[in-house]
Amino acid sequence: MQGDNSIVQIVKKALPAVVSIAMVQELDDFEFPLKKPAKKPAKPKKENRPSLPSIMLGGGSGFIVNDRGAILTNRHVITDLLGEYVVVMPNGQKIMAEILARDPIHDIAILKINPAAVISDAPLSIIPLGDSLKAELGETVVAIGNALGIFRNTVSVGVVSGLSREIQAQNEITHENSKLRGLLQTDAAINPGNSGGPLLNLKGEAVGINAAMVSGAENIGFALPINNAKWALKELEQYGRIRQPYLGVRYLAIDSELKHQFGLPVNYGVLVMAEPEIKRAQKQAIVPNSPAAKAGLKEVDIILEIQGKKITTEQTVNDLLEMCNIGKEIPIKILRNGQEKMLKFVLGEKTI
């Protein structure tokens, strides 16, 4: 009973900072507040649609993370860069939001509202950010959301049931596919009511952003690790944008299966080559004038390590590049014609 009381207090403290997000022209589609939408004709069914991945993304929630009005949500909630978005506060007040940044790699978006526009006698409520690296299997977590009155004040409780998961996900609105990595798996229900909202630990800190559910399965949900969002907020504050490291190379991740298929001498690292379908489109494995090209990388080289750290399926190229400083010289170990070789490249920037 004491644990239940703790969760109630966490929810009460967090709810004032959890908001709904929608495009302005979409607001009439929702019964919020107390406005009944006009009946729309049913959309025709699409025939011959290819089979889709079982992971479906939902959206609509977000949460305030600082007193300047910054809001974290899923990038797939903010599908239209040219669209205007409104934040619906827990009291029903609608406030126009500014899109500060979108990170498609980590599925994070950062919005901003003017704190002075909030009608409240109390200071702006915020949710503190925790450390997703400290999340432990079996740890109790609380997922909260507030999706435009349809699933308002959605709360679910569960445990962290998996760490560093990777999924192929699809946006249920745009049908856009994306690969999400490093996710926290939880059996707390993730649904359209709390997707984009916070996944909280028992300290009331956000350790994740609710992101995805497995269609047709029970007790399998995923949250984006909050440390990626903390990095994005830091990038935005320091540089005014989210920067992404850029190497300029296409590759295939090596595992035991790929080692056997290509007769490779190692079962880790990445093989420098374009994927077959990309190659048919006449895309090169090494992008001309890229950091990889300037470093002397060649097709069918195997990149083994970046800055002394081994590349594996759990510790990917992107993971390692994110630990490197853009504009700095980075050593890499490669395997070429059976011989190990050290190269150096200056990491470039891919601006989002």
Protein backbone atom coordinates (compact mmCIF):
# COMPACT_ATOMS: atom_id res chain seq x y z
CA MET A 1 0.00 0.00 0.00
CA GLN A 2 2.89 2.32 0.75
CA GLY A 3 4.22 1.79 -2.79
CA ASP A 4 0.80 2.60 -4.23
CA ASN A 5 0.72 5.85 -2.26
CA SER A 6 4.17 6.76 -3.61
CA ILE A 7 2.99 6.26 -7.19
CA VAL A 8 -0.09 8.40 -6.56
CA GLN A 9 2.13 11.23 -5.32
CA ILE A 10 4.43 10.90 -8.34
CA VAL A 11 1.47 11.09 -10.71
CA LYS A 12 -0.05 14.10 -8.93
CA LYS A 13 3.23 15.98 -9.14
CA ALA A 14 3.90 15.09 -12.78
CA LEU A 15 0.45 15.59 -14.35
CA PRO A 16 0.55 19.43 -14.43
CA ALA A 17 3.65 19.20 -16.66
CA VAL A 18 2.16 16.69 -19.13
CA VAL A 19 0.53 18.27 -22.19
CA SER A 20 -1.18 17.37 -25.45
CA ILE A 21 0.23 18.34 -28.84
CA ALA A 22 -1.55 18.58 -32.19
CA MET A 23 -1.45 20.45 -35.46
CA VAL A 24 -3.80 23.43 -35.41
CA GLN A 25 -5.89 22.19 -38.33
CA GLU A 26 -6.30 18.85 -36.60
CA LEU A 27 -7.84 20.17 -33.40
CA ASP A 28 -11.39 19.91 -34.74
CA ASP A 29 -10.87 16.17 -35.11
CA PHE A 30 -10.90 15.81 -31.32
CA GLU A 31 -13.61 16.25 -28.71
CA PHE A 32 -11.57 18.70 -26.67
CA PRO A 33 -12.71 20.70 -24.94
CA LEU A 34 -16.35 19.65 -25.22
CA LYS A 35 -16.51 20.28 -28.96
CA LYS A 36 -18.07 17.56 -31.06
CA PRO A 37 -16.35 17.08 -34.42
CA ALA A 38 -18.27 17.08 -37.65
CA LYS A 39 -18.86 13.61 -39.06
CA LYS A 40 -16.34 12.78 -41.76
CA PRO A 41 -16.77 10.29 -44.59
CA ALA A 42 -14.98 7.01 -44.10
CA LYS A 43 -11.61 6.81 -45.82
CA PRO A 44 -11.40 4.24 -48.61
CA LYS A 45 -9.39 1.17 -47.80
CA LYS A 46 -6.02 0.84 -49.47
CA GLU A 47 -5.75 -2.33 -51.47
CA ASN A 48 -2.62 -4.43 -51.91
CA ARG A 49 -0.87 -2.69 -49.03
CA PRO A 50 2.38 -4.53 -48.21
CA SER A 51 2.73 -6.25 -44.87
CA LEU A 52 3.90 -3.85 -42.18
CA PRO A 53 6.21 -4.25 -39.18
CA SER A 54 4.41 -5.18 -35.99
CA ILE A 55 5.68 -2.13 -34.10
CA MET A 56 3.33 0.86 -34.34
CA LEU A 57 4.07 4.39 -33.17
CA GLY A 58 1.44 6.61 -31.61
CA GLY A 59 1.62 10.21 -30.49
CA GLY A 60 0.00 13.27 -29.02
CA SER A 61 1.62 13.88 -25.63
CA GLY A 62 4.63 15.79 -24.39
CA PHE A 63 6.05 17.11 -21.12
CA ILE A 64 7.59 20.38 -19.92
CA VAL A 65 11.22 20.06 -18.83
CA ASN A 66 12.36 23.56 -17.87
CA ASP A 67 10.99 26.90 -16.68
CA ARG A 68 11.62 28.41 -20.14
CA GLY A 69 8.80 26.30 -21.56
CA ALA A 70 10.79 23.60 -23.39
CA ILE A 71 8.71 20.50 -24.14
CA LEU A 72 9.95 17.04 -25.08
CA THR A 73 7.93 14.72 -27.28
CA ASN A 74 8.37 12.14 -30.04
CA ARG A 75 9.59 13.38 -33.39
CA HIS A 76 6.83 11.35 -35.03
CA VAL A 77 4.29 13.58 -33.24
CA ILE A 78 5.69 16.56 -35.17
CA THR A 79 5.23 15.19 -38.68
CA ASP A 80 4.97 18.48 -40.59
CA LEU A 81 7.80 21.02 -40.33
CA LEU A 82 5.63 23.66 -42.01
CA GLY A 83 2.59 22.95 -39.85
CA GLU A 84 1.55 24.98 -36.84
CA TYR A 85 1.31 23.09 -33.57
CA VAL A 86 -0.64 23.87 -30.44
CA VAL A 87 0.02 22.67 -26.91
CA VAL A 88 -3.04 21.89 -24.82
CA MET A 89 -2.33 22.39 -21.14
CA PRO A 90 -3.91 20.16 -18.47
CA ASN A 91 -6.41 22.95 -17.68
CA GLY A 92 -7.54 22.99 -21.33
CA GLN A 93 -5.70 26.18 -22.31
CA LYS A 94 -4.31 26.10 -25.86
CA ILE A 95 -0.94 27.76 -26.50
CA MET A 96 0.82 28.01 -29.86
CA ALA A 97 4.14 26.15 -29.83
CA GLU A 98 7.41 26.84 -31.59
CA ILE A 99 9.31 23.88 -33.08
CA LEU A 100 12.89 24.23 -31.85
CA ALA A 101 14.36 20.98 -33.19
CA ARG A 102 13.59 17.51 -34.51
CA ASP A 103 15.95 14.56 -34.23
CA PRO A 104 14.84 11.78 -36.62
CA ILE A 105 17.61 9.43 -35.53
CA HIS A 106 16.45 9.34 -31.91
CA ASP A 107 12.77 10.18 -32.63
CA ILE A 108 12.90 13.25 -30.39
CA ALA A 109 11.33 16.67 -30.95
CA ILE A 110 11.73 19.78 -28.81
CA LEU A 111 9.00 22.40 -28.73
CA LYS A 112 8.66 25.63 -26.77
CA ILE A 113 5.78 27.59 -25.32
CA ASN A 114 5.87 31.05 -23.77
CA PRO A 115 5.64 30.54 -19.98
CA ALA A 116 4.10 34.00 -19.63
CA ALA A 117 1.14 32.82 -21.74
CA VAL A 118 0.20 30.08 -19.27
CA ILE A 119 -2.86 30.97 -17.21
CA SER A 120 -1.99 29.75 -13.73
CA ASP A 121 -1.33 31.11 -10.27
CA ALA A 122 1.45 28.57 -9.77
CA PRO A 123 4.90 28.50 -11.41
CA LEU A 124 5.26 26.44 -14.58
CA SER A 125 5.34 22.75 -13.65
CA ILE A 126 8.31 20.77 -14.97
CA ILE A 127 9.44 17.16 -14.88
CA PRO A 128 13.09 16.58 -13.86
CA LEU A 129 15.24 14.42 -16.14
CA GLY A 130 16.88 11.32 -14.74
CA ASP A 131 19.63 9.06 -16.10
CA SER A 132 18.44 6.29 -18.42
CA LEU A 133 21.78 4.50 -18.07
CA LYS A 134 20.92 3.85 -14.43
CA ALA A 135 17.61 2.15 -15.28
CA GLU A 136 17.61 -1.42 -13.97
CA LEU A 137 15.69 -4.53 -14.93
CA GLY A 138 12.70 -4.92 -12.65
CA GLU A 139 12.66 -1.27 -11.64
CA THR A 140 9.15 0.17 -11.23
CA VAL A 141 8.21 2.83 -13.80
CA VAL A 142 5.13 4.97 -14.47
CA ALA A 143 3.99 6.02 -17.95
CA ILE A 144 1.84 9.16 -18.18
CA GLY A 145 0.12 10.89 -21.10
CA ASN A 146 -2.61 13.35 -21.98
CA ALA A 147 -3.76 13.00 -25.59
CA LEU A 148 -6.30 15.72 -26.37
CA GLY A 149 -9.00 14.52 -24.03
CA ILE A 150 -9.43 11.16 -25.77
CA PHE A 151 -7.20 9.38 -23.26
CA ARG A 152 -6.69 12.27 -20.85
CA ASN A 153 -4.56 11.64 -17.75
CA THR A 154 -3.55 8.17 -18.96
CA VAL A 155 -1.41 6.45 -16.33
CA SER A 156 0.05 2.95 -16.41
CA VAL A 157 2.49 1.26 -14.05
CA GLY A 158 4.97 -1.51 -14.77
CA VAL A 159 8.61 -2.44 -14.62
CA VAL A 160 11.63 -2.05 -16.86
CA SER A 161 11.57 -5.41 -18.65
CA GLY A 162 14.41 -4.86 -21.13
CA LEU A 163 17.38 -2.57 -21.76
CA SER A 164 19.01 -1.26 -24.93
CA ARG A 165 16.36 -2.73 -27.25
CA GLU A 166 16.30 -2.11 -31.00
CA ILE A 167 13.09 -2.11 -33.04
CA GLN A 168 11.89 -1.36 -36.55
CA ALA A 169 8.97 0.99 -36.03
CA GLN A 170 6.28 2.54 -38.18
CA ASN A 171 4.38 5.78 -37.69
CA GLU A 172 0.69 4.87 -37.71
CA ILE A 173 -0.21 8.20 -39.36
CA THR A 174 2.48 8.65 -42.04
CA HIS A 175 3.46 4.94 -42.33
CA GLU A 176 7.08 6.12 -42.20
CA ASN A 177 9.53 3.40 -41.13
CA SER A 178 12.42 4.07 -38.78
CA LYS A 179 14.87 2.09 -36.67
CA LEU A 180 15.00 3.01 -33.00
CA ARG A 181 17.90 1.86 -30.82
CA GLY A 182 18.83 1.83 -27.16
CA LEU A 183 15.20 1.69 -26.03
CA LEU A 184 13.87 0.85 -22.59
CA GLN A 185 11.35 -1.99 -22.76
CA THR A 186 8.53 -1.89 -20.24
CA ASP A 187 5.35 -3.79 -19.47
CA ALA A 188 3.67 -0.49 -18.53
CA ALA A 189 1.06 0.03 -21.26
CA ILE A 190 2.21 2.43 -24.01
CA ASN A 191 -0.73 3.62 -26.11
CA PRO A 192 -1.92 6.71 -28.01
CA GLY A 193 -2.85 8.24 -24.67
CA ASN A 194 0.68 8.34 -23.30
CA SER A 195 2.97 8.10 -26.33
CA GLY A 196 5.23 11.17 -26.19
CA GLY A 197 4.72 11.51 -22.45
CA PRO A 198 7.24 10.71 -19.72
CA LEU A 199 8.28 7.33 -18.38
CA LEU A 200 9.05 8.07 -14.73
CA ASN A 201 11.07 6.28 -12.08
CA LEU A 202 10.04 6.25 -8.43
CA LYS A 203 11.95 9.50 -7.86
CA GLY A 204 9.54 11.21 -10.25
CA GLU A 205 12.31 11.67 -12.84
CA ALA A 206 11.78 11.03 -16.53
CA VAL A 207 14.00 8.16 -17.63
CA GLY A 208 12.34 7.80 -21.02
CA ILE A 209 9.87 9.22 -23.54
CA ASN A 210 7.02 6.80 -24.24
CA ALA A 211 7.29 5.90 -27.90
CA ALA A 212 5.98 2.60 -29.18
CA MET A 213 3.90 -0.46 -28.58
CA VAL A 214 3.91 -3.87 -30.21
CA SER A 215 0.72 -4.28 -32.22
CA GLY A 216 -1.14 -7.45 -31.27
CA ALA A 217 1.04 -8.19 -28.23
CA GLU A 218 0.48 -7.58 -24.54
CA ASN A 219 2.82 -5.99 -22.00
CA ILE A 220 5.46 -4.94 -24.53
CA GLY A 221 6.08 -1.21 -24.81
CA PHE A 222 9.12 0.93 -25.50
CA ALA A 223 10.45 4.29 -24.36
CA LEU A 224 13.22 6.43 -25.84
CA PRO A 225 16.11 6.79 -23.37
CA ILE A 226 16.03 10.21 -21.74
CA ASN A 227 19.80 10.63 -22.07
CA ASN A 228 19.36 11.14 -25.83
CA ALA A 229 16.91 13.94 -25.09
CA LYS A 230 19.30 15.50 -22.56
CA TRP A 231 22.01 15.48 -25.22
CA ALA A 232 19.62 17.10 -27.73
CA LEU A 233 18.69 19.82 -25.22
CA LYS A 234 22.37 20.50 -24.57
CA GLU A 235 23.14 20.70 -28.30
CA LEU A 236 20.24 23.09 -28.80
CA GLU A 237 21.37 25.34 -25.97
CA GLN A 238 25.01 25.37 -27.02
CA TYR A 239 24.71 25.48 -30.83
CA GLY A 240 21.12 26.51 -31.51
CA ARG A 241 20.51 23.24 -33.36
CA ILE A 242 20.90 19.49 -32.98
CA ARG A 243 24.12 18.42 -34.67
CA GLN A 244 24.67 14.88 -35.90
CA PRO A 245 28.11 13.34 -36.53
CA TYR A 246 28.77 12.55 -40.19
CA LEU A 247 31.24 10.03 -41.58
CA GLY A 248 29.93 9.58 -45.13
CA VAL A 249 30.14 5.84 -45.51
CA ARG A 250 27.59 3.11 -46.25
CA TYR A 251 28.12 -0.22 -44.57
CA LEU A 252 26.69 -3.52 -43.42
CA ALA A 253 26.92 -4.48 -39.75
CA ILE A 254 28.86 -7.72 -39.35
CA ASP A 255 27.49 -10.55 -37.25
CA SER A 256 27.98 -14.32 -37.38
CA GLU A 257 25.47 -14.65 -40.22
CA LEU A 258 27.09 -11.96 -42.40
CA LYS A 259 30.55 -13.37 -41.62
CA HIS A 260 29.43 -16.75 -42.97
CA GLN A 261 27.59 -15.24 -45.96
CA PHE A 262 30.59 -13.19 -47.17
CA GLY A 263 33.38 -15.41 -45.82
CA LEU A 264 34.72 -12.62 -43.61
CA PRO A 265 37.59 -13.12 -41.13
CA VAL A 266 35.77 -11.41 -38.21
CA ASN A 267 32.26 -11.46 -36.71
CA TYR A 268 32.21 -7.83 -35.55
CA GLY A 269 32.71 -4.39 -37.09
CA VAL A 270 31.11 -3.12 -40.30
CA LEU A 271 31.78 -3.98 -43.94
CA VAL A 272 32.13 -0.88 -46.11
CA MET A 273 29.72 -1.39 -48.99
CA ALA A 274 26.35 -0.14 -50.15
CA GLU A 275 23.38 -2.41 -49.56
CA PRO A 276 22.37 -4.30 -52.75
CA GLU A 277 19.24 -2.19 -53.39
CA ILE A 278 21.23 1.01 -52.87
CA LYS A 279 23.96 -0.19 -55.18
CA ARG A 280 21.42 -0.79 -57.93
CA ALA A 281 20.52 2.88 -57.56
CA GLN A 282 24.22 3.62 -58.28
CA LYS A 283 24.94 4.92 -54.79
CA GLN A 284 28.57 4.63 -53.74
CA ALA A 285 29.76 3.06 -50.50
CA ILE A 286 32.03 6.06 -49.83
CA VAL A 287 30.40 9.48 -50.26
CA PRO A 288 32.75 11.72 -52.34
CA ASN A 289 34.54 14.45 -50.34
CA SER A 290 33.18 13.04 -47.09
CA PRO A 291 35.33 12.51 -43.96
CA ALA A 292 35.47 8.79 -44.86
CA ALA A 293 36.74 9.58 -48.38
CA LYS A 294 39.34 12.03 -47.09
CA ALA A 295 40.55 9.47 -44.55
CA GLY A 296 41.23 6.97 -47.36
CA LEU A 297 38.54 4.40 -46.59
CA LYS A 298 37.83 2.01 -49.46
CA GLU A 299 34.97 -0.25 -50.38
CA VAL A 300 35.15 -3.72 -48.71
CA ASP A 301 37.32 -2.33 -45.90
CA ILE A 302 36.14 -3.57 -42.52
CA ILE A 303 35.97 -0.91 -39.82
CA LEU A 304 36.80 -2.66 -36.53
CA GLU A 305 37.13 0.15 -34.00
CA ILE A 306 36.41 3.86 -33.62
CA GLN A 307 38.52 5.77 -31.12
CA GLY A 308 39.73 2.50 -29.57
CA LYS A 309 36.23 1.07 -29.05
CA LYS A 310 35.13 -2.11 -30.82
CA ILE A 311 32.09 -1.93 -33.13
CA THR A 312 29.48 -4.57 -32.29
CA THR A 313 25.76 -5.07 -32.84
CA GLU A 314 25.24 -3.71 -29.31
CA GLN A 315 27.75 -0.84 -29.71
CA THR A 316 27.10 0.45 -33.21
CA VAL A 317 28.93 2.93 -35.42
CA ASN A 318 26.31 5.59 -34.59
CA ASP A 319 26.70 4.91 -30.88
CA LEU A 320 30.45 5.41 -31.08
CA LEU A 321 30.29 8.47 -33.34
CA GLU A 322 27.96 10.17 -30.88
CA MET A 323 30.75 9.90 -28.29
CA CYS A 324 33.16 11.72 -30.62
CA ASN A 325 33.64 15.46 -31.02
CA ILE A 326 32.58 16.95 -34.34
CA GLY A 327 35.50 18.68 -36.05
CA LYS A 328 38.10 16.64 -34.15
CA GLU A 329 40.47 14.04 -35.57
CA ILE A 330 39.28 10.53 -34.75
CA PRO A 331 41.39 7.33 -35.07
CA ILE A 332 39.77 4.23 -36.58
CA LYS A 333 41.09 0.69 -36.95
CA ILE A 334 40.27 -1.10 -40.19
CA LEU A 335 40.95 -4.48 -41.74
CA ARG A 336 42.07 -4.30 -45.38
CA ASN A 337 43.19 -7.38 -47.30
CA GLY A 338 43.64 -9.27 -44.04
CA GLN A 339 45.88 -6.60 -42.50
CA GLU A 340 44.92 -4.24 -39.68
CA LYS A 341 45.54 -0.59 -40.44
CA MET A 342 44.99 2.69 -38.57
CA LEU A 343 43.37 5.67 -40.29
CA LYS A 344 42.33 9.08 -39.02
CA PHE A 345 39.37 11.19 -40.08
CA VAL A 346 37.97 14.54 -39.02
CA LEU A 347 34.37 13.96 -38.00
CA GLY A 348 31.92 16.10 -39.97
CA GLU A 349 28.50 17.43 -39.07
CA LYS A 350 25.14 16.48 -40.51
CA THR A 351 22.77 19.24 -39.48
CA ILE A 352 19.16 18.25 -38.85
